[in-house]
């Protein structure tokens, strides 16, 4: 029988919140064999674990590694066949892990299985099967829509709020890119998994509730934009980047206008400065992705969405963008397919 190592990366959660998270994991119909809590800061994780057995461990890196490197830190000592990533404030329904692991067990080519993430109350969606646009934009899938029922299906991206990752595949893919620190790590890993010829699957019948608050972390736009651009530049083949260049440039101009209107222009400009500072890492990452590649961009992009359709995106701006980018991407896909 396969085994699961659950990972919770904590920063400012209280001991009570962490105990509730641990109890939620232990109360599953199919509980994890070990629970690893990465104490990234001032969460009081040691106090939270008093009274638990050796299967519940605190890992203290000694500094705030961020989410991506925090999961990598736990994965280095994880003993399970699968790594279960769960947000500290996400509460999984009783059969969630059983359903995720059953799907992963069905095919060794499945690298990642994601759950449906519901807003508080469980009636509407927060995320789950998250769309990925060729520009790298990946909003929460189905945000605000009714809870979904259905069979598991292959998707481009699943939410990192609750996902099961085959540990062997995680290590082969190089884990999360620690330099991303936080946000967009789930998109980048799923993208690399598909490049490597592996599957990413979404299971609507595995569900968690998650209290969503976009602005909880004040620099979220900086991380989202810097990390999106890094992944776009690292994961595409050079020919695809050249063909996408006009659309990527138009997207940046549009986002600069949006950032100005919404008050996060400083974060957007800082994302460019940080990306430039990471240029040597970007060259190295492109080389590493080339070594992983088993699928062409044309194959990888079959699950990408050409339209901007999300309740989280300004409607008029999305509609205007779709008028230009949908036909452009139709032509681009045809060119890539003729390779």
C-alpha atoms as a PDB file:
ATOM      1  CA  UNK A   1       0.000   0.000   0.000  1.00  0.00           C
ATOM      2  CA  UNK A   2       1.309   3.460  -0.860  1.00  0.00           C
ATOM      3  CA  UNK A   3       2.237   5.861   1.944  1.00  0.00           C
ATOM      4  CA  UNK A   4       1.714   9.588   2.362  1.00  0.00           C
ATOM      5  CA  UNK A   5       3.892  12.262   3.943  1.00  0.00           C
ATOM      6  CA  UNK A   6       1.804  15.364   4.622  1.00  0.00           C
ATOM      7  CA  UNK A   7       3.563  18.736   4.622  1.00  0.00           C
ATOM      8  CA  UNK A   8       2.307  21.935   6.215  1.00  0.00           C
ATOM      9  CA  UNK A   9       4.453  25.036   5.822  1.00  0.00           C
ATOM     10  CA  UNK A  10       3.731  27.411   8.681  1.00  0.00           C
ATOM     11  CA  UNK A  11       4.770  31.008   9.206  1.00  0.00           C
ATOM     12  CA  UNK A  12       2.441  32.973  11.469  1.00  0.00           C
ATOM     13  CA  UNK A  13      -0.224  30.418  12.408  1.00  0.00           C
ATOM     14  CA  UNK A  14      -0.974  30.038  16.118  1.00  0.00           C
ATOM     15  CA  UNK A  15      -0.350  26.727  17.940  1.00  0.00           C
ATOM     16  CA  UNK A  16      -4.124  26.254  18.087  1.00  0.00           C
ATOM     17  CA  UNK A  17      -4.447  26.655  14.323  1.00  0.00           C
ATOM     18  CA  UNK A  18      -1.661  24.142  13.758  1.00  0.00           C
ATOM     19  CA  UNK A  19      -3.255  21.651  16.151  1.00  0.00           C
ATOM     20  CA  UNK A  20      -6.501  21.959  14.236  1.00  0.00           C
ATOM     21  CA  UNK A  21      -4.610  21.339  10.993  1.00  0.00           C
ATOM     22  CA  UNK A  22      -2.925  18.240  12.430  1.00  0.00           C
ATOM     23  CA  UNK A  23      -6.223  16.908  13.797  1.00  0.00           C
ATOM     24  CA  UNK A  24      -7.799  17.423  10.392  1.00  0.00           C
ATOM     25  CA  UNK A  25      -5.064  15.300   8.822  1.00  0.00           C
ATOM     26  CA  UNK A  26      -5.331  12.588  11.468  1.00  0.00           C
ATOM     27  CA  UNK A  27      -9.111  12.479  11.118  1.00  0.00           C
ATOM     28  CA  UNK A  28      -9.029  11.457   7.462  1.00  0.00           C
ATOM     29  CA  UNK A  29     -10.486   8.167   6.298  1.00  0.00           C
ATOM     30  CA  UNK A  30      -7.010   7.575   4.882  1.00  0.00           C
ATOM     31  CA  UNK A  31      -4.651   9.552   7.168  1.00  0.00           C
ATOM     32  CA  UNK A  32      -1.030  10.247   6.219  1.00  0.00           C
ATOM     33  CA  UNK A  33       1.688   8.038   7.710  1.00  0.00           C
ATOM     34  CA  UNK A  34       3.707  11.099   8.717  1.00  0.00           C
ATOM     35  CA  UNK A  35       2.946  14.776   9.196  1.00  0.00           C
ATOM     36  CA  UNK A  36       5.776  17.258   8.694  1.00  0.00           C
ATOM     37  CA  UNK A  37       5.319  20.845   9.855  1.00  0.00           C
ATOM     38  CA  UNK A  38       7.927  23.265   8.529  1.00  0.00           C
ATOM     39  CA  UNK A  39       8.285  26.116  11.029  1.00  0.00           C
ATOM     40  CA  UNK A  40       9.277  29.050   8.830  1.00  0.00           C
ATOM     41  CA  UNK A  41       8.943  31.741  11.427  1.00  0.00           C
ATOM     42  CA  UNK A  42       6.948  32.534  14.493  1.00  0.00           C
ATOM     43  CA  UNK A  43       4.187  29.952  14.427  1.00  0.00           C
ATOM     44  CA  UNK A  44       4.979  28.171  17.703  1.00  0.00           C
ATOM     45  CA  UNK A  45       4.953  24.795  15.985  1.00  0.00           C
ATOM     46  CA  UNK A  46       6.835  23.020  18.773  1.00  0.00           C
ATOM     47  CA  UNK A  47       4.130  23.935  21.263  1.00  0.00           C
ATOM     48  CA  UNK A  48       1.474  22.821  18.797  1.00  0.00           C
ATOM     49  CA  UNK A  49       2.913  19.296  18.596  1.00  0.00           C
ATOM     50  CA  UNK A  50       3.109  18.514  22.313  1.00  0.00           C
ATOM     51  CA  UNK A  51       1.480  15.172  23.020  1.00  0.00           C
ATOM     52  CA  UNK A  52       1.654  13.782  19.494  1.00  0.00           C
ATOM     53  CA  UNK A  53       3.623  10.690  18.512  1.00  0.00           C
ATOM     54  CA  UNK A  54       6.786  10.534  16.391  1.00  0.00           C
ATOM     55  CA  UNK A  55       4.757  10.500  13.181  1.00  0.00           C
ATOM     56  CA  UNK A  56       4.114  14.233  13.711  1.00  0.00           C
ATOM     57  CA  UNK A  57       7.350  16.199  13.383  1.00  0.00           C
ATOM     58  CA  UNK A  58       8.455  19.803  13.334  1.00  0.00           C
ATOM     59  CA  UNK A  59      11.219  20.770  10.918  1.00  0.00           C
ATOM     60  CA  UNK A  60      12.960  24.035  11.734  1.00  0.00           C
ATOM     61  CA  UNK A  61      15.136  25.382   8.904  1.00  0.00           C
ATOM     62  CA  UNK A  62      16.304  28.288  11.072  1.00  0.00           C
ATOM     63  CA  UNK A  63      15.028  31.024   8.755  1.00  0.00           C
ATOM     64  CA  UNK A  64      12.013  31.814   6.616  1.00  0.00           C
ATOM     65  CA  UNK A  65      12.570  29.754   3.472  1.00  0.00           C
ATOM     66  CA  UNK A  66       9.223  30.685   1.957  1.00  0.00           C
ATOM     67  CA  UNK A  67       6.659  28.141   0.823  1.00  0.00           C
ATOM     68  CA  UNK A  68       8.474  26.599  -2.155  1.00  0.00           C
ATOM     69  CA  UNK A  69      11.796  25.952  -0.419  1.00  0.00           C
ATOM     70  CA  UNK A  70       9.909  24.986   2.760  1.00  0.00           C
ATOM     71  CA  UNK A  71       8.218  22.102   0.950  1.00  0.00           C
ATOM     72  CA  UNK A  72      11.566  21.104  -0.579  1.00  0.00           C
ATOM     73  CA  UNK A  73      13.066  21.100   2.926  1.00  0.00           C
ATOM     74  CA  UNK A  74      10.385  18.667   4.112  1.00  0.00           C
ATOM     75  CA  UNK A  75      10.606  16.527   0.979  1.00  0.00           C
ATOM     76  CA  UNK A  76      14.306  15.913   1.616  1.00  0.00           C
ATOM     77  CA  UNK A  77      13.437  13.853   4.720  1.00  0.00           C
ATOM     78  CA  UNK A  78       9.963  12.595   3.751  1.00  0.00           C
ATOM     79  CA  UNK A  79       9.527   8.821   3.841  1.00  0.00           C
ATOM     80  CA  UNK A  80       6.224   8.445   1.976  1.00  0.00           C
ATOM     81  CA  UNK A  81       5.528   7.487  -1.605  1.00  0.00           C
ATOM     82  CA  UNK A  82       3.538  10.708  -1.939  1.00  0.00           C
ATOM     83  CA  UNK A  83       3.937  14.226  -0.680  1.00  0.00           C
ATOM     84  CA  UNK A  84       0.663  15.815   0.367  1.00  0.00           C
ATOM     85  CA  UNK A  85       0.792  19.618   0.327  1.00  0.00           C
ATOM     86  CA  UNK A  86      -1.953  21.286   2.343  1.00  0.00           C
ATOM     87  CA  UNK A  87      -2.430  24.898   3.383  1.00  0.00           C
ATOM     88  CA  UNK A  88      -2.576  25.287   7.180  1.00  0.00           C
ATOM     89  CA  UNK A  89      -6.044  26.845   6.965  1.00  0.00           C
ATOM     90  CA  UNK A  90      -7.490  24.243   4.581  1.00  0.00           C
ATOM     91  CA  UNK A  91      -9.820  21.600   6.004  1.00  0.00           C
ATOM     92  CA  UNK A  92     -10.092  18.413   3.952  1.00  0.00           C
ATOM     93  CA  UNK A  93     -13.281  16.390   3.761  1.00  0.00           C
ATOM     94  CA  UNK A  94     -12.924  12.882   5.308  1.00  0.00           C
ATOM     95  CA  UNK A  95     -12.377  10.924   2.051  1.00  0.00           C
ATOM     96  CA  UNK A  96     -10.173  13.524   0.347  1.00  0.00           C
ATOM     97  CA  UNK A  97      -6.768  11.854   0.722  1.00  0.00           C
ATOM     98  CA  UNK A  98      -8.144   8.400  -0.004  1.00  0.00           C
ATOM     99  CA  UNK A  99      -9.513   9.630  -3.324  1.00  0.00           C
ATOM    100  CA  UNK A 100      -6.348  11.506  -4.254  1.00  0.00           C
ATOM    101  CA  UNK A 101      -4.092   8.523  -3.510  1.00  0.00           C
ATOM    102  CA  UNK A 102      -6.398   6.087  -5.308  1.00  0.00           C
ATOM    103  CA  UNK A 103      -6.098   8.136  -8.495  1.00  0.00           C
ATOM    104  CA  UNK A 104      -2.313   8.479  -8.138  1.00  0.00           C
ATOM    105  CA  UNK A 105      -1.980   4.720  -7.568  1.00  0.00           C
ATOM    106  CA  UNK A 106      -3.844   4.006 -10.824  1.00  0.00           C
ATOM    107  CA  UNK A 107      -1.036   5.206 -13.127  1.00  0.00           C
ATOM    108  CA  UNK A 108       2.672   5.733 -12.374  1.00  0.00           C
ATOM    109  CA  UNK A 109       2.697   8.517 -14.998  1.00  0.00           C
ATOM    110  CA  UNK A 110       0.494  10.648 -12.736  1.00  0.00           C
ATOM    111  CA  UNK A 111       2.798  13.106 -10.981  1.00  0.00           C
ATOM    112  CA  UNK A 112       0.251  15.388  -9.312  1.00  0.00           C
ATOM    113  CA  UNK A 113      -3.370  14.986  -8.244  1.00  0.00           C
ATOM    114  CA  UNK A 114      -5.254  18.062  -7.049  1.00  0.00           C
ATOM    115  CA  UNK A 115      -8.392  18.487  -4.982  1.00  0.00           C
ATOM    116  CA  UNK A 116     -11.358  20.787  -5.488  1.00  0.00           C
ATOM    117  CA  UNK A 117     -10.854  23.801  -3.222  1.00  0.00           C
ATOM    118  CA  UNK A 118     -14.073  25.254  -1.853  1.00  0.00           C
ATOM    119  CA  UNK A 119     -14.812  28.547  -0.199  1.00  0.00           C
ATOM    120  CA  UNK A 120     -16.017  28.512   3.398  1.00  0.00           C
ATOM    121  CA  UNK A 121     -19.333  26.716   3.648  1.00  0.00           C
ATOM    122  CA  UNK A 122     -18.440  24.287   0.858  1.00  0.00           C
ATOM    123  CA  UNK A 123     -21.084  25.424  -1.638  1.00  0.00           C
ATOM    124  CA  UNK A 124     -18.915  27.386  -4.073  1.00  0.00           C
ATOM    125  CA  UNK A 125     -15.470  26.965  -5.565  1.00  0.00           C
ATOM    126  CA  UNK A 126     -12.252  28.748  -4.725  1.00  0.00           C
ATOM    127  CA  UNK A 127     -10.004  26.805  -7.129  1.00  0.00           C
ATOM    128  CA  UNK A 128      -9.178  23.343  -8.405  1.00  0.00           C
ATOM    129  CA  UNK A 129      -8.648  22.813 -12.127  1.00  0.00           C
ATOM    130  CA  UNK A 130      -6.897  26.129 -12.667  1.00  0.00           C
ATOM    131  CA  UNK A 131      -6.645  27.405 -16.253  1.00  0.00           C
ATOM    132  CA  UNK A 132      -3.248  28.282 -17.673  1.00  0.00           C
ATOM    133  CA  UNK A 133      -3.146  30.853 -20.461  1.00  0.00           C
ATOM    134  CA  UNK A 134      -0.158  30.848 -22.871  1.00  0.00           C
ATOM    135  CA  UNK A 135       0.935  34.176 -21.331  1.00  0.00           C
ATOM    136  CA  UNK A 136       1.413  32.311 -18.034  1.00  0.00           C
ATOM    137  CA  UNK A 137      -1.613  33.890 -16.355  1.00  0.00           C
ATOM    138  CA  UNK A 138      -3.329  31.253 -14.212  1.00  0.00           C
ATOM    139  CA  UNK A 139      -6.337  32.452 -12.180  1.00  0.00           C
ATOM    140  CA  UNK A 140      -8.257  30.275  -9.717  1.00  0.00           C
ATOM    141  CA  UNK A 141     -10.398  27.845 -11.676  1.00  0.00           C
ATOM    142  CA  UNK A 142     -14.161  28.159 -11.287  1.00  0.00           C
ATOM    143  CA  UNK A 143     -13.919  30.839  -8.620  1.00  0.00           C
ATOM    144  CA  UNK A 144     -17.372  31.608  -7.177  1.00  0.00           C
ATOM    145  CA  UNK A 145     -19.095  28.895  -9.220  1.00  0.00           C
ATOM    146  CA  UNK A 146     -21.142  26.072  -7.625  1.00  0.00           C
ATOM    147  CA  UNK A 147     -19.363  23.027  -6.260  1.00  0.00           C
ATOM    148  CA  UNK A 148     -18.393  20.661  -9.065  1.00  0.00           C
ATOM    149  CA  UNK A 149     -19.197  16.956  -9.379  1.00  0.00           C
ATOM    150  CA  UNK A 150     -17.506  14.677 -11.883  1.00  0.00           C
ATOM    151  CA  UNK A 151     -14.815  12.195 -12.804  1.00  0.00           C
ATOM    152  CA  UNK A 152     -11.069  12.872 -12.518  1.00  0.00           C
ATOM    153  CA  UNK A 153      -9.555  14.527 -15.581  1.00  0.00           C
ATOM    154  CA  UNK A 154      -6.194  15.675 -16.903  1.00  0.00           C
ATOM    155  CA  UNK A 155      -5.649  19.431 -16.539  1.00  0.00           C
ATOM    156  CA  UNK A 156      -2.880  21.987 -16.946  1.00  0.00           C
ATOM    157  CA  UNK A 157      -2.705  23.075 -13.290  1.00  0.00           C
ATOM    158  CA  UNK A 158      -4.157  22.064  -9.929  1.00  0.00           C
ATOM    159  CA  UNK A 159      -4.254  24.181  -6.800  1.00  0.00           C
ATOM    160  CA  UNK A 160      -1.351  23.942  -4.375  1.00  0.00           C
ATOM    161  CA  UNK A 161      -3.791  24.486  -1.490  1.00  0.00           C
ATOM    162  CA  UNK A 162      -4.297  20.707  -1.513  1.00  0.00           C
ATOM    163  CA  UNK A 163      -2.450  18.402  -3.864  1.00  0.00           C
ATOM    164  CA  UNK A 164      -0.800  14.993  -3.772  1.00  0.00           C
ATOM    165  CA  UNK A 165       2.578  14.725  -5.504  1.00  0.00           C
ATOM    166  CA  UNK A 166       4.451  11.517  -6.297  1.00  0.00           C
ATOM    167  CA  UNK A 167       7.660  11.982  -4.317  1.00  0.00           C
ATOM    168  CA  UNK A 168       9.878  10.265  -6.891  1.00  0.00           C
ATOM    169  CA  UNK A 169       8.516  12.565  -9.603  1.00  0.00           C
ATOM    170  CA  UNK A 170       8.842  15.612  -7.346  1.00  0.00           C
ATOM    171  CA  UNK A 171      12.534  14.885  -6.848  1.00  0.00           C
ATOM    172  CA  UNK A 172      13.082  14.063 -10.534  1.00  0.00           C
ATOM    173  CA  UNK A 173      11.507  17.375 -11.527  1.00  0.00           C
ATOM    174  CA  UNK A 174      13.774  19.203  -9.084  1.00  0.00           C
ATOM    175  CA  UNK A 175      10.982  19.979  -6.622  1.00  0.00           C
ATOM    176  CA  UNK A 176       9.592  23.461  -6.357  1.00  0.00           C
ATOM    177  CA  UNK A 177      11.891  26.246  -7.481  1.00  0.00           C
ATOM    178  CA  UNK A 178      12.911  27.619  -4.087  1.00  0.00           C
ATOM    179  CA  UNK A 179      13.842  31.035  -5.455  1.00  0.00           C
ATOM    180  CA  UNK A 180      10.170  31.648  -6.284  1.00  0.00           C
ATOM    181  CA  UNK A 181       9.665  31.854  -2.480  1.00  0.00           C
ATOM    182  CA  UNK A 182       5.865  31.739  -2.610  1.00  0.00           C
ATOM    183  CA  UNK A 183       2.966  31.801  -5.097  1.00  0.00           C
ATOM    184  CA  UNK A 184       2.864  30.329  -8.590  1.00  0.00           C
ATOM    185  CA  UNK A 185       4.924  27.325  -7.436  1.00  0.00           C
ATOM    186  CA  UNK A 186       1.999  24.974  -8.184  1.00  0.00           C
ATOM    187  CA  UNK A 187       1.725  26.329 -11.749  1.00  0.00           C
ATOM    188  CA  UNK A 188       5.455  26.023 -12.403  1.00  0.00           C
ATOM    189  CA  UNK A 189       5.689  22.455 -11.082  1.00  0.00           C
ATOM    190  CA  UNK A 190       2.634  21.285 -13.055  1.00  0.00           C
ATOM    191  CA  UNK A 191       4.041  22.923 -16.192  1.00  0.00           C
ATOM    192  CA  UNK A 192       7.369  21.117 -15.759  1.00  0.00           C
ATOM    193  CA  UNK A 193       5.576  17.826 -15.059  1.00  0.00           C
ATOM    194  CA  UNK A 194       3.737  18.045 -18.375  1.00  0.00           C
ATOM    195  CA  UNK A 195       6.949  18.997 -20.185  1.00  0.00           C
ATOM    196  CA  UNK A 196       8.520  15.850 -18.695  1.00  0.00           C
ATOM    197  CA  UNK A 197       5.728  13.675 -20.109  1.00  0.00           C
ATOM    198  CA  UNK A 198       3.896  13.197 -16.806  1.00  0.00           C
ATOM    199  CA  UNK A 199       0.219  13.693 -15.990  1.00  0.00           C
ATOM    200  CA  UNK A 200      -1.500  16.300 -13.819  1.00  0.00           C
ATOM    201  CA  UNK A 201      -4.983  15.207 -12.714  1.00  0.00           C
ATOM    202  CA  UNK A 202      -7.836  17.047 -11.013  1.00  0.00           C
ATOM    203  CA  UNK A 203     -10.301  15.141  -8.809  1.00  0.00           C
ATOM    204  CA  UNK A 204     -13.523  17.079  -8.080  1.00  0.00           C
ATOM    205  CA  UNK A 205     -14.690  14.437  -5.589  1.00  0.00           C
ATOM    206  CA  UNK A 206     -11.702  15.141  -3.313  1.00  0.00           C
ATOM    207  CA  UNK A 207     -12.473  18.446  -1.633  1.00  0.00           C
ATOM    208  CA  UNK A 208     -11.159  20.876   0.950  1.00  0.00           C
ATOM    209  CA  UNK A 209     -12.554  24.103   2.367  1.00  0.00           C
ATOM    210  CA  UNK A 210     -10.222  27.069   2.333  1.00  0.00           C
ATOM    211  CA  UNK A 211     -10.758  30.584   3.669  1.00  0.00           C
ATOM    212  CA  UNK A 212      -9.623  32.614   0.667  1.00  0.00           C
ATOM    213  CA  UNK A 213      -8.226  36.111   1.109  1.00  0.00           C
ATOM    214  CA  UNK A 214      -6.204  37.387  -1.844  1.00  0.00           C
ATOM    215  CA  UNK A 215      -4.415  40.202  -0.022  1.00  0.00           C
ATOM    216  CA  UNK A 216      -3.428  38.349   3.146  1.00  0.00           C
ATOM    217  CA  UNK A 217       0.233  38.568   2.115  1.00  0.00           C
ATOM    218  CA  UNK A 218       0.951  42.169   1.146  1.00  0.00           C
ATOM    219  CA  UNK A 219       3.469  41.512  -1.678  1.00  0.00           C
ATOM    220  CA  UNK A 220       1.366  38.944  -3.509  1.00  0.00           C
ATOM    221  CA  UNK A 221       1.288  40.805  -6.833  1.00  0.00           C
ATOM    222  CA  UNK A 222       5.081  41.080  -6.829  1.00  0.00           C
ATOM    223  CA  UNK A 223       5.527  37.325  -6.341  1.00  0.00           C
ATOM    224  CA  UNK A 224       2.787  36.365  -8.790  1.00  0.00           C
ATOM    225  CA  UNK A 225       4.144  38.569 -11.576  1.00  0.00           C
ATOM    226  CA  UNK A 226       7.848  37.870 -11.024  1.00  0.00           C
ATOM    227  CA  UNK A 227       7.245  34.127 -10.789  1.00  0.00           C
ATOM    228  CA  UNK A 228       4.887  34.042 -13.774  1.00  0.00           C
ATOM    229  CA  UNK A 229       7.445  35.730 -15.994  1.00  0.00           C
ATOM    230  CA  UNK A 230      10.242  33.514 -14.714  1.00  0.00           C
ATOM    231  CA  UNK A 231       8.235  30.372 -15.519  1.00  0.00           C
ATOM    232  CA  UNK A 232       7.265  31.620 -18.980  1.00  0.00           C
ATOM    233  CA  UNK A 233      10.887  32.367 -19.829  1.00  0.00           C
ATOM    234  CA  UNK A 234      12.177  29.125 -18.295  1.00  0.00           C
ATOM    235  CA  UNK A 235       9.622  26.601 -19.545  1.00  0.00           C
ATOM    236  CA  UNK A 236       8.959  27.506 -23.170  1.00  0.00           C
ATOM    237  CA  UNK A 237      11.184  26.403 -26.025  1.00  0.00           C
ATOM    238  CA  UNK A 238      13.049  29.299 -27.680  1.00  0.00           C
ATOM    239  CA  UNK A 239      10.975  29.072 -30.876  1.00  0.00           C
ATOM    240  CA  UNK A 240       7.727  29.317 -28.915  1.00  0.00           C
ATOM    241  CA  UNK A 241       8.965  32.345 -26.995  1.00  0.00           C
ATOM    242  CA  UNK A 242       9.813  34.062 -30.259  1.00  0.00           C
ATOM    243  CA  UNK A 243       6.353  33.370 -31.686  1.00  0.00           C
ATOM    244  CA  UNK A 244       4.686  34.486 -28.453  1.00  0.00           C
ATOM    245  CA  UNK A 245       6.780  37.650 -28.082  1.00  0.00           C
ATOM    246  CA  UNK A 246       4.203  40.123 -29.494  1.00  0.00           C
ATOM    247  CA  UNK A 247       1.456  38.700 -27.280  1.00  0.00           C
ATOM    248  CA  UNK A 248       3.705  38.666 -24.204  1.00  0.00           C
ATOM    249  CA  UNK A 249       4.683  42.289 -24.811  1.00  0.00           C
ATOM    250  CA  UNK A 250       1.035  43.329 -25.248  1.00  0.00           C
ATOM    251  CA  UNK A 251       0.175  41.489 -22.032  1.00  0.00           C
ATOM    252  CA  UNK A 252       2.850  43.373 -20.111  1.00  0.00           C
ATOM    253  CA  UNK A 253       1.559  46.707 -21.388  1.00  0.00           C
ATOM    254  CA  UNK A 254      -1.957  45.752 -20.369  1.00  0.00           C
ATOM    255  CA  UNK A 255      -0.839  44.612 -16.926  1.00  0.00           C
ATOM    256  CA  UNK A 256       1.110  47.838 -16.379  1.00  0.00           C
ATOM    257  CA  UNK A 257      -2.068  49.783 -17.106  1.00  0.00           C
ATOM    258  CA  UNK A 258      -4.081  47.521 -14.795  1.00  0.00           C
ATOM    259  CA  UNK A 259      -1.467  47.782 -12.046  1.00  0.00           C
ATOM    260  CA  UNK A 260      -1.564  51.556 -12.292  1.00  0.00           C
ATOM    261  CA  UNK A 261      -5.352  51.617 -12.054  1.00  0.00           C
ATOM    262  CA  UNK A 262      -5.486  49.167  -9.142  1.00  0.00           C
ATOM    263  CA  UNK A 263      -2.563  50.547  -7.140  1.00  0.00           C
ATOM    264  CA  UNK A 264       0.058  47.808  -7.395  1.00  0.00           C
ATOM    265  CA  UNK A 265       2.340  49.384 -10.011  1.00  0.00           C
ATOM    266  CA  UNK A 266       5.277  49.494  -7.556  1.00  0.00           C
ATOM    267  CA  UNK A 267       5.058  45.727  -7.096  1.00  0.00           C
ATOM    268  CA  UNK A 268       4.829  45.192 -10.851  1.00  0.00           C
ATOM    269  CA  UNK A 269       7.956  47.262 -11.524  1.00  0.00           C
ATOM    270  CA  UNK A 270       9.767  45.511  -8.672  1.00  0.00           C
ATOM    271  CA  UNK A 271       8.961  42.170 -10.331  1.00  0.00           C
ATOM    272  CA  UNK A 272      10.960  43.270 -13.403  1.00  0.00           C
ATOM    273  CA  UNK A 273      13.949  44.293 -11.268  1.00  0.00           C
ATOM    274  CA  UNK A 274      13.887  40.998  -9.384  1.00  0.00           C
ATOM    275  CA  UNK A 275      13.561  38.991 -12.589  1.00  0.00           C
ATOM    276  CA  UNK A 276      16.628  40.722 -14.004  1.00  0.00           C
ATOM    277  CA  UNK A 277      18.551  39.913 -10.807  1.00  0.00           C
ATOM    278  CA  UNK A 278      17.659  36.225 -11.330  1.00  0.00           C
ATOM    279  CA  UNK A 279      18.901  36.124 -14.928  1.00  0.00           C
ATOM    280  CA  UNK A 280      21.749  33.675 -14.216  1.00  0.00           C
ATOM    281  CA  UNK A 281      19.321  31.325 -12.455  1.00  0.00           C
ATOM    282  CA  UNK A 282      16.945  31.667 -15.397  1.00  0.00           C
ATOM    283  CA  UNK A 283      19.626  30.495 -17.831  1.00  0.00           C
ATOM    284  CA  UNK A 284      20.367  27.530 -15.555  1.00  0.00           C
ATOM    285  CA  UNK A 285      16.674  26.666 -15.213  1.00  0.00           C
ATOM    286  CA  UNK A 286      16.140  26.737 -18.982  1.00  0.00           C
ATOM    287  CA  UNK A 287      18.999  24.253 -19.328  1.00  0.00           C
ATOM    288  CA  UNK A 288      17.465  22.005 -16.673  1.00  0.00           C
ATOM    289  CA  UNK A 289      14.021  22.094 -18.291  1.00  0.00           C
ATOM    290  CA  UNK A 290      15.562  21.109 -21.637  1.00  0.00           C
ATOM    291  CA  UNK A 291      16.945  18.037 -19.925  1.00  0.00           C
ATOM    292  CA  UNK A 292      13.499  17.122 -18.595  1.00  0.00           C
ATOM    293  CA  UNK A 293      11.641  17.666 -21.876  1.00  0.00           C
ATOM    294  CA  UNK A 294       9.692  14.735 -23.301  1.00  0.00           C
ATOM    295  CA  UNK A 295       6.819  16.760 -24.778  1.00  0.00           C
ATOM    296  CA  UNK A 296       6.979  19.640 -27.251  1.00  0.00           C
ATOM    297  CA  UNK A 297       5.292  22.937 -26.420  1.00  0.00           C
ATOM    298  CA  UNK A 298       2.575  22.087 -28.955  1.00  0.00           C
ATOM    299  CA  UNK A 299       1.754  18.966 -26.923  1.00  0.00           C
ATOM    300  CA  UNK A 300       2.027  20.689 -23.549  1.00  0.00           C
ATOM    301  CA  UNK A 301      -0.239  23.533 -24.658  1.00  0.00           C
ATOM    302  CA  UNK A 302      -3.152  21.247 -25.579  1.00  0.00           C
ATOM    303  CA  UNK A 303      -4.510  21.813 -22.057  1.00  0.00           C
ATOM    304  CA  UNK A 304      -3.842  25.561 -21.988  1.00  0.00           C
ATOM    305  CA  UNK A 305      -6.783  27.969 -22.305  1.00  0.00           C
ATOM    306  CA  UNK A 306      -6.692  30.583 -25.067  1.00  0.00           C
ATOM    307  CA  UNK A 307      -9.371  32.772 -23.482  1.00  0.00           C
ATOM    308  CA  UNK A 308      -9.215  34.924 -20.379  1.00  0.00           C
ATOM    309  CA  UNK A 309     -12.354  33.793 -18.536  1.00  0.00           C
ATOM    310  CA  UNK A 310     -12.373  34.215 -14.769  1.00  0.00           C
ATOM    311  CA  UNK A 311     -14.489  35.963 -12.155  1.00  0.00           C
ATOM    312  CA  UNK A 312     -11.196  37.264 -10.730  1.00  0.00           C
ATOM    313  CA  UNK A 313     -10.312  39.180 -13.907  1.00  0.00           C
ATOM    314  CA  UNK A 314     -11.832  42.530 -14.974  1.00  0.00           C
ATOM    315  CA  UNK A 315     -14.551  41.614 -17.485  1.00  0.00           C
ATOM    316  CA  UNK A 316     -14.105  44.428 -20.045  1.00  0.00           C
ATOM    317  CA  UNK A 317     -10.318  44.046 -20.086  1.00  0.00           C
ATOM    318  CA  UNK A 318     -10.599  40.262 -20.530  1.00  0.00           C
ATOM    319  CA  UNK A 319     -13.132  40.615 -23.333  1.00  0.00           C
ATOM    320  CA  UNK A 320     -10.920  43.104 -25.167  1.00  0.00           C
ATOM    321  CA  UNK A 321      -7.862  40.880 -24.740  1.00  0.00           C
ATOM    322  CA  UNK A 322      -9.748  37.846 -26.072  1.00  0.00           C
ATOM    323  CA  UNK A 323     -10.623  39.661 -29.314  1.00  0.00           C
ATOM    324  CA  UNK A 324      -6.915  39.915 -30.129  1.00  0.00           C
ATOM    325  CA  UNK A 325      -5.277  36.926 -28.472  1.00  0.00           C
ATOM    326  CA  UNK A 326      -7.687  34.090 -29.372  1.00  0.00           C
ATOM    327  CA  UNK A 327      -7.119  34.310 -33.166  1.00  0.00           C
ATOM    328  CA  UNK A 328      -3.410  34.985 -32.593  1.00  0.00           C
ATOM    329  CA  UNK A 329      -3.083  31.818 -30.509  1.00  0.00           C
ATOM    330  CA  UNK A 330      -5.079  29.810 -33.058  1.00  0.00           C
ATOM    331  CA  UNK A 331      -2.482  30.685 -35.682  1.00  0.00           C
ATOM    332  CA  UNK A 332       0.399  30.066 -33.271  1.00  0.00           C
ATOM    333  CA  UNK A 333      -0.879  26.602 -32.394  1.00  0.00           C
ATOM    334  CA  UNK A 334      -1.051  25.766 -36.093  1.00  0.00           C
ATOM    335  CA  UNK A 335       2.543  26.880 -36.613  1.00  0.00           C
ATOM    336  CA  UNK A 336       3.781  24.867 -33.614  1.00  0.00           C
ATOM    337  CA  UNK A 337       1.895  21.764 -34.746  1.00  0.00           C
ATOM    338  CA  UNK A 338       3.681  21.811 -38.135  1.00  0.00           C
ATOM    339  CA  UNK A 339       7.069  21.454 -36.487  1.00  0.00           C
END
